[in-house]
Amino acid sequence: MNQGILFNDDVNVVENTLTFTAMVNGMIVKCLIVTPPMTDEAALKHFQAHQFDYEMQAEQLIEDEVYEEDGSILLAFV
């Protein structure tokens, strides 16, 4: 795991999108996961069950500098 990337414990759900943030060399990067239609509670449970997978995916996208125009990264739903 990259020591320059730290994941915050701040997952949220808004309109079928899970969001959490990462600190990358002192900068905050928003990580987005578009989910299929589900309740907020189900989305949060899904994230908890796959958190490590999402963090690994986010780490790879950050290392490869695959950013959206607004500086966020878009992860694939697993």
Protein backbone atom coordinates (compact mmCIF):
# COMPACT_ATOMS: atom_id res chain seq x y z
CA MET A 1 0.00 0.00 0.00
CA ASN A 2 1.24 3.47 -0.88
CA GLN A 3 2.23 5.42 2.24
CA GLY A 4 1.40 8.73 0.49
CA ILE A 5 -2.29 7.76 0.22
CA LEU A 6 -4.43 7.68 3.36
CA PHE A 7 -8.14 6.87 3.27
CA ASN A 8 -10.45 8.82 5.56
CA ASP A 9 -13.35 7.21 7.41
CA ASP A 10 -16.01 9.41 5.81
CA VAL A 11 -18.20 7.36 3.49
CA ASN A 12 -21.51 8.97 2.45
CA VAL A 13 -24.36 8.15 0.09
CA VAL A 14 -26.10 10.77 -2.05
CA GLU A 15 -28.40 9.93 -4.98
CA ASN A 16 -27.02 6.42 -5.73
CA THR A 17 -23.42 7.57 -5.37
CA LEU A 18 -21.09 6.45 -2.59
CA THR A 19 -18.38 8.96 -1.77
CA PHE A 20 -15.31 8.80 0.42
CA THR A 21 -12.07 10.75 0.47
CA ALA A 22 -8.38 10.04 0.37
CA MET A 23 -5.47 12.21 1.43
CA VAL A 24 -2.81 12.21 -1.26
CA ASN A 25 0.36 14.06 -0.34
CA GLY A 26 -1.67 16.54 1.72
CA MET A 27 -4.47 17.00 -0.84
CA ILE A 28 -8.01 15.61 -0.48
CA VAL A 29 -9.26 13.50 -3.40
CA LYS A 30 -12.96 12.64 -3.60
CA CYS A 31 -13.61 9.02 -4.59
CA LEU A 32 -16.98 8.28 -6.25
CA ILE A 33 -18.80 4.99 -6.80
CA VAL A 34 -22.06 5.09 -8.76
CA THR A 35 -24.30 2.35 -7.38
CA PRO A 36 -27.34 0.65 -8.85
CA PRO A 37 -30.59 1.81 -7.23
CA MET A 38 -30.55 0.72 -3.58
CA THR A 39 -31.32 2.17 -0.19
CA ASP A 40 -28.67 4.26 1.53
CA GLU A 41 -28.41 1.58 4.22
CA ALA A 42 -27.80 -1.15 1.62
CA ALA A 43 -25.21 1.01 -0.14
CA LEU A 44 -23.31 1.58 3.10
CA LYS A 45 -23.39 -2.14 3.93
CA HIS A 46 -22.11 -2.88 0.42
CA PHE A 47 -19.25 -0.41 0.90
CA GLN A 48 -18.32 -1.94 4.26
CA ALA A 49 -18.24 -5.40 2.71
CA HIS A 50 -16.01 -4.24 -0.17
CA GLN A 51 -14.10 -1.36 1.41
CA PHE A 52 -10.67 -2.94 0.90
CA ASP A 53 -11.44 -3.59 -2.80
CA TYR A 54 -12.55 0.01 -3.30
CA GLU A 55 -9.49 1.39 -1.52
CA MET A 56 -7.19 -0.76 -3.67
CA GLN A 57 -9.00 0.39 -6.81
CA ALA A 58 -8.77 4.02 -5.70
CA GLU A 59 -5.07 3.66 -4.89
CA GLN A 60 -4.38 2.32 -8.39
CA LEU A 61 -6.36 5.12 -10.08
CA ILE A 62 -4.57 7.76 -8.00
CA GLU A 63 -1.15 6.26 -8.75
CA ASP A 64 -2.05 6.16 -12.48
CA GLU A 65 -3.35 9.76 -12.19
CA VAL A 66 -6.75 8.86 -13.68
CA TYR A 67 -8.64 11.92 -12.42
CA GLU A 68 -11.95 13.38 -13.58
CA GLU A 69 -12.07 17.04 -14.65
CA ASP A 70 -13.06 18.10 -11.11
CA GLY A 71 -10.11 16.24 -9.53
CA SER A 72 -12.15 13.31 -8.24
CA ILE A 73 -11.74 9.67 -9.22
CA LEU A 74 -14.54 7.41 -10.44
CA LEU A 75 -14.40 3.83 -9.25
CA ALA A 76 -16.15 0.83 -10.79
CA PHE A 77 -18.95 -0.76 -8.74
CA VAL A 78 -17.90 -4.23 -7.55
